[in-house]
PDB file of all heavy atoms in Angstrom:
ATOM      1  N   LEU A   1     -61.049  12.308  61.474  1.00  0.00           N
ATOM      2  CA  LEU A   1     -60.578  10.922  61.460  1.00  0.00           C
ATOM      3  C   LEU A   1     -59.141  10.822  60.964  1.00  0.00           C
ATOM      4  O   LEU A   1     -58.354  10.040  61.484  1.00  0.00           O
ATOM      5  CB  LEU A   1     -61.510  10.057  60.600  1.00  0.00           C
ATOM      6  CG  LEU A   1     -61.266   8.553  60.632  1.00  0.00           C
ATOM      7  CD1 LEU A   1     -61.405   8.000  62.048  1.00  0.00           C
ATOM      8  CD2 LEU A   1     -62.229   7.839  59.694  1.00  0.00           C
ATOM      9  N   ALA A   2     -58.789  11.632  59.966  1.00  0.00           N
ATOM     10  CA  ALA A   2     -57.419  11.594  59.434  1.00  0.00           C
ATOM     11  C   ALA A   2     -56.404  12.030  60.487  1.00  0.00           C
ATOM     12  O   ALA A   2     -55.263  11.564  60.487  1.00  0.00           O
ATOM     13  CB  ALA A   2     -57.308  12.471  58.195  1.00  0.00           C
ATOM     14  N   GLY A   3     -56.822  12.895  61.405  1.00  0.00           N
ATOM     15  CA  GLY A   3     -55.912  13.368  62.452  1.00  0.00           C
ATOM     16  C   GLY A   3     -55.976  12.568  63.738  1.00  0.00           C
ATOM     17  O   GLY A   3     -55.166  12.779  64.643  1.00  0.00           O
ATOM     18  N   ALA A   4     -56.929  11.653  63.828  1.00  0.00           N
ATOM     19  CA  ALA A   4     -57.102  10.882  65.055  1.00  0.00           C
ATOM     20  C   ALA A   4     -55.997   9.845  65.225  1.00  0.00           C
ATOM     21  O   ALA A   4     -55.461   9.331  64.237  1.00  0.00           O
ATOM     22  CB  ALA A   4     -58.464  10.186  65.043  1.00  0.00           C
ATOM     23  N   ARG A   5     -55.680   9.542  66.467  1.00  0.00           N
ATOM     24  CA  ARG A   5     -54.729   8.465  66.754  1.00  0.00           C
ATOM     25  C   ARG A   5     -55.492   7.155  66.701  1.00  0.00           C
ATOM     26  O   ARG A   5     -56.299   6.869  67.576  1.00  0.00           O
ATOM     27  CB  ARG A   5     -54.084   8.676  68.114  1.00  0.00           C
ATOM     28  CG  ARG A   5     -53.180   9.903  68.122  1.00  0.00           C
ATOM     29  CD  ARG A   5     -52.475  10.070  69.412  1.00  0.00           C
ATOM     30  NE  ARG A   5     -51.708   8.860  69.699  1.00  0.00           N
ATOM     31  CZ  ARG A   5     -51.026   8.671  70.803  1.00  0.00           C
ATOM     32  NH1 ARG A   5     -51.014   9.583  71.728  1.00  0.00           N
ATOM     33  NH2 ARG A   5     -50.370   7.556  71.013  1.00  0.00           N
ATOM     34  N   LEU A   6     -55.239   6.377  65.667  1.00  0.00           N
ATOM     35  CA  LEU A   6     -55.937   5.117  65.462  1.00  0.00           C
ATOM     36  C   LEU A   6     -55.003   3.966  65.799  1.00  0.00           C
ATOM     37  O   LEU A   6     -53.775   4.111  65.751  1.00  0.00           O
ATOM     38  CB  LEU A   6     -56.411   5.023  64.010  1.00  0.00           C
ATOM     39  CG  LEU A   6     -57.334   6.165  63.555  1.00  0.00           C
ATOM     40  CD1 LEU A   6     -57.646   6.047  62.076  1.00  0.00           C
ATOM     41  CD2 LEU A   6     -58.600   6.185  64.385  1.00  0.00           C
ATOM     42  N   PRO A   7     -55.543   2.810  66.142  1.00  0.00           N
ATOM     43  CA  PRO A   7     -54.688   1.664  66.480  1.00  0.00           C
ATOM     44  C   PRO A   7     -53.685   1.347  65.368  1.00  0.00           C
ATOM     45  O   PRO A   7     -54.026   1.366  64.183  1.00  0.00           O
ATOM     46  CB  PRO A   7     -55.699   0.526  66.660  1.00  0.00           C
ATOM     47  CG  PRO A   7     -56.965   1.213  67.065  1.00  0.00           C
ATOM     48  CD  PRO A   7     -56.976   2.492  66.296  1.00  0.00           C
ATOM     49  N   ALA A   8     -52.463   1.065  65.770  1.00  0.00           N
ATOM     50  CA  ALA A   8     -51.397   0.779  64.810  1.00  0.00           C
ATOM     51  C   ALA A   8     -51.714  -0.447  63.954  1.00  0.00           C
ATOM     52  O   ALA A   8     -51.248  -0.551  62.813  1.00  0.00           O
ATOM     53  CB  ALA A   8     -50.068   0.587  65.540  1.00  0.00           C
ATOM     54  N   ALA A   9     -52.501  -1.366  64.473  1.00  0.00           N
ATOM     55  CA  ALA A   9     -52.833  -2.585  63.734  1.00  0.00           C
ATOM     56  C   ALA A   9     -53.824  -2.325  62.593  1.00  0.00           C
ATOM     57  O   ALA A   9     -53.978  -3.163  61.714  1.00  0.00           O
ATOM     58  CB  ALA A   9     -53.410  -3.634  64.683  1.00  0.00           C
ATOM     59  N   TRP A  10     -54.487  -1.177  62.609  1.00  0.00           N
ATOM     60  CA  TRP A  10     -55.467  -0.875  61.566  1.00  0.00           C
ATOM     61  C   TRP A  10     -54.779  -0.411  60.296  1.00  0.00           C
ATOM     62  O   TRP A  10     -53.786   0.313  60.346  1.00  0.00           O
ATOM     63  CB  TRP A  10     -56.417   0.208  62.018  1.00  0.00           C
ATOM     64  CG  TRP A  10     -57.396  -0.193  63.074  1.00  0.00           C
ATOM     65  CD1 TRP A  10     -57.438  -1.381  63.756  1.00  0.00           C
ATOM     66  CD2 TRP A  10     -58.460   0.606  63.577  1.00  0.00           C
ATOM     67  NE1 TRP A  10     -58.472  -1.369  64.649  1.00  0.00           N
ATOM     68  CE2 TRP A  10     -59.125  -0.159  64.553  1.00  0.00           C
ATOM     69  CE3 TRP A  10     -58.916   1.871  63.296  1.00  0.00           C
ATOM     70  CZ2 TRP A  10     -60.223   0.320  65.262  1.00  0.00           C
ATOM     71  CZ3 TRP A  10     -60.009   2.355  63.986  1.00  0.00           C
ATOM     72  CH2 TRP A  10     -60.652   1.574  64.953  1.00  0.00           C
ATOM     73  N   ARG A  11     -55.340  -0.824  59.177  1.00  0.00           N
ATOM     74  CA  ARG A  11     -54.850  -0.330  57.887  1.00  0.00           C
ATOM     75  C   ARG A  11     -55.592   0.971  57.586  1.00  0.00           C
ATOM     76  O   ARG A  11     -56.805   0.979  57.402  1.00  0.00           O
ATOM     77  CB  ARG A  11     -55.103  -1.361  56.799  1.00  0.00           C
ATOM     78  CG  ARG A  11     -54.589  -0.893  55.469  1.00  0.00           C
ATOM     79  CD  ARG A  11     -54.803  -1.920  54.392  1.00  0.00           C
ATOM     80  NE  ARG A  11     -54.592  -1.255  53.144  1.00  0.00           N
ATOM     81  CZ  ARG A  11     -53.670  -1.589  52.274  1.00  0.00           C
ATOM     82  NH1 ARG A  11     -52.914  -2.617  52.504  1.00  0.00           N
ATOM     83  NH2 ARG A  11     -53.544  -0.907  51.163  1.00  0.00           N
ATOM     84  N   VAL A  12     -54.855   2.085  57.551  1.00  0.00           N
ATOM     85  CA  VAL A  12     -55.450   3.402  57.366  1.00  0.00           C
ATOM     86  C   VAL A  12     -54.755   4.120  56.218  1.00  0.00           C
ATOM     87  O   VAL A  12     -53.537   4.224  56.195  1.00  0.00           O
ATOM     88  CB  VAL A  12     -55.326   4.259  58.651  1.00  0.00           C
ATOM     89  CG1 VAL A  12     -55.937   5.636  58.442  1.00  0.00           C
ATOM     90  CG2 VAL A  12     -55.967   3.549  59.835  1.00  0.00           C
ATOM     91  N   LEU A  13     -55.556   4.595  55.282  1.00  0.00           N
ATOM     92  CA  LEU A  13     -55.056   5.424  54.195  1.00  0.00           C
ATOM     93  C   LEU A  13     -55.664   6.807  54.377  1.00  0.00           C
ATOM     94  O   LEU A  13     -56.881   6.935  54.458  1.00  0.00           O
ATOM     95  CB  LEU A  13     -55.461   4.863  52.827  1.00  0.00           C
ATOM     96  CG  LEU A  13     -54.780   3.572  52.376  1.00  0.00           C
ATOM     97  CD1 LEU A  13     -55.434   2.370  53.008  1.00  0.00           C
ATOM     98  CD2 LEU A  13     -54.847   3.476  50.877  1.00  0.00           C
ATOM     99  N   ARG A  14     -54.835   7.805  54.462  1.00  0.00           N
ATOM    100  CA  ARG A  14     -55.326   9.181  54.582  1.00  0.00           C
ATOM    101  C   ARG A  14     -55.268   9.780  53.189  1.00  0.00           C
ATOM    102  O   ARG A  14     -54.254  10.343  52.783  1.00  0.00           O
ATOM    103  CB  ARG A  14     -54.483   9.942  55.595  1.00  0.00           C
ATOM    104  CG  ARG A  14     -54.716   9.439  57.016  1.00  0.00           C
ATOM    105  CD  ARG A  14     -53.723   9.973  58.031  1.00  0.00           C
ATOM    106  NE  ARG A  14     -54.063   9.579  59.381  1.00  0.00           N
ATOM    107  CZ  ARG A  14     -53.732   8.409  59.930  1.00  0.00           C
ATOM    108  NH1 ARG A  14     -53.065   7.514  59.241  1.00  0.00           N
ATOM    109  NH2 ARG A  14     -54.094   8.136  61.176  1.00  0.00           N
ATOM    110  N   ALA A  15     -56.388   9.640  52.466  1.00  0.00           N
ATOM    111  CA  ALA A  15     -56.416  10.026  51.053  1.00  0.00           C
ATOM    112  C   ALA A  15     -57.843  10.238  50.580  1.00  0.00           C
ATOM    113  O   ALA A  15     -58.797   9.805  51.236  1.00  0.00           O
ATOM    114  CB  ALA A  15     -55.754   8.927  50.211  1.00  0.00           C
ATOM    115  N   VAL A  16     -57.980  10.875  49.441  1.00  0.00           N
ATOM    116  CA  VAL A  16     -59.278  11.033  48.798  1.00  0.00           C
ATOM    117  C   VAL A  16     -59.706   9.663  48.285  1.00  0.00           C
ATOM    118  O   VAL A  16     -58.895   8.939  47.695  1.00  0.00           O
ATOM    119  CB  VAL A  16     -59.171  12.051  47.641  1.00  0.00           C
ATOM    120  CG1 VAL A  16     -60.473  12.140  46.881  1.00  0.00           C
ATOM    121  CG2 VAL A  16     -58.756  13.410  48.179  1.00  0.00           C
ATOM    122  N   PRO A  17     -60.956   9.256  48.471  1.00  0.00           N
ATOM    123  CA  PRO A  17     -61.381   7.906  48.086  1.00  0.00           C
ATOM    124  C   PRO A  17     -61.701   7.766  46.590  1.00  0.00           C
ATOM    125  O   PRO A  17     -62.817   7.483  46.196  1.00  0.00           O
ATOM    126  CB  PRO A  17     -62.632   7.682  48.945  1.00  0.00           C
ATOM    127  CG  PRO A  17     -63.193   9.053  49.126  1.00  0.00           C
ATOM    128  CD  PRO A  17     -62.011   9.974  49.206  1.00  0.00           C
ATOM    129  N   ASP A  18     -60.662   7.947  45.752  1.00  0.00           N
ATOM    130  CA  ASP A  18     -60.852   7.723  44.322  1.00  0.00           C
ATOM    131  C   ASP A  18     -60.626   6.247  44.020  1.00  0.00           C
ATOM    132  O   ASP A  18     -60.325   5.450  44.915  1.00  0.00           O
ATOM    133  CB  ASP A  18     -59.927   8.627  43.496  1.00  0.00           C
ATOM    134  CG  ASP A  18     -58.451   8.427  43.823  1.00  0.00           C
ATOM    135  OD1 ASP A  18     -58.068   7.361  44.362  1.00  0.00           O
ATOM    136  OD2 ASP A  18     -57.667   9.344  43.543  1.00  0.00           O
ATOM    137  N   ALA A  19     -60.778   5.860  42.761  1.00  0.00           N
ATOM    138  CA  ALA A  19     -60.693   4.441  42.385  1.00  0.00           C
ATOM    139  C   ALA A  19     -59.349   3.836  42.780  1.00  0.00           C
ATOM    140  O   ALA A  19     -59.299   2.721  43.307  1.00  0.00           O
ATOM    141  CB  ALA A  19     -60.942   4.278  40.889  1.00  0.00           C
ATOM    142  N   ASP A  20     -58.250   4.553  42.545  1.00  0.00           N
ATOM    143  CA  ASP A  20     -56.930   4.010  42.882  1.00  0.00           C
ATOM    144  C   ASP A  20     -56.780   3.798  44.387  1.00  0.00           C
ATOM    145  O   ASP A  20     -56.263   2.771  44.829  1.00  0.00           O
ATOM    146  CB  ASP A  20     -55.824   4.940  42.372  1.00  0.00           C
ATOM    147  CG  ASP A  20     -55.722   4.945  40.851  1.00  0.00           C
ATOM    148  OD1 ASP A  20     -56.155   3.964  40.215  1.00  0.00           O
ATOM    149  OD2 ASP A  20     -55.217   5.947  40.296  1.00  0.00           O
ATOM    150  N   THR A  21     -57.224   4.761  45.171  1.00  0.00           N
ATOM    151  CA  THR A  21     -57.147   4.635  46.631  1.00  0.00           C
ATOM    152  C   THR A  21     -57.990   3.472  47.122  1.00  0.00           C
ATOM    153  O   THR A  21     -57.566   2.697  47.987  1.00  0.00           O
ATOM    154  CB  THR A  21     -57.590   5.937  47.309  1.00  0.00           C
ATOM    155  OG1 THR A  21     -56.743   7.007  46.872  1.00  0.00           O
ATOM    156  CG2 THR A  21     -57.535   5.819  48.821  1.00  0.00           C
ATOM    157  N   LEU A  22     -59.203   3.334  46.573  1.00  0.00           N
ATOM    158  CA  LEU A  22     -60.079   2.232  46.995  1.00  0.00           C
ATOM    159  C   LEU A  22     -59.448   0.881  46.678  1.00  0.00           C
ATOM    160  O   LEU A  22     -59.524  -0.049  47.489  1.00  0.00           O
ATOM    161  CB  LEU A  22     -61.445   2.365  46.336  1.00  0.00           C
ATOM    162  CG  LEU A  22     -62.262   3.581  46.765  1.00  0.00           C
ATOM    163  CD1 LEU A  22     -63.558   3.654  45.976  1.00  0.00           C
ATOM    164  CD2 LEU A  22     -62.520   3.579  48.253  1.00  0.00           C
ATOM    165  N   LEU A  23     -58.823   0.762  45.514  1.00  0.00           N
ATOM    166  CA  LEU A  23     -58.151  -0.498  45.170  1.00  0.00           C
ATOM    167  C   LEU A  23     -56.970  -0.743  46.099  1.00  0.00           C
ATOM    168  O   LEU A  23     -56.744  -1.875  46.547  1.00  0.00           O
ATOM    169  CB  LEU A  23     -57.726  -0.496  43.705  1.00  0.00           C
ATOM    170  CG  LEU A  23     -58.890  -0.588  42.713  1.00  0.00           C
ATOM    171  CD1 LEU A  23     -58.402  -0.354  41.287  1.00  0.00           C
ATOM    172  CD2 LEU A  23     -59.602  -1.926  42.834  1.00  0.00           C
ATOM    173  N   GLU A  24     -56.225   0.309  46.428  1.00  0.00           N
ATOM    174  CA  GLU A  24     -55.111   0.173  47.366  1.00  0.00           C
ATOM    175  C   GLU A  24     -55.600  -0.252  48.746  1.00  0.00           C
ATOM    176  O   GLU A  24     -54.916  -0.990  49.466  1.00  0.00           O
ATOM    177  CB  GLU A  24     -54.354   1.506  47.464  1.00  0.00           C
ATOM    178  CG  GLU A  24     -53.125   1.437  48.333  1.00  0.00           C
ATOM    179  CD  GLU A  24     -52.391   2.772  48.430  1.00  0.00           C
ATOM    180  OE1 GLU A  24     -52.664   3.684  47.630  1.00  0.00           O
ATOM    181  OE2 GLU A  24     -51.544   2.891  49.335  1.00  0.00           O
TER     182      GLU A  24
END
């Protein structure tokens, strides 16, 4: 999923889902 071409309109974070990332 991190390497997939996703729609530009989507909000995508390529990161480990820790508390800070989830809040972001």
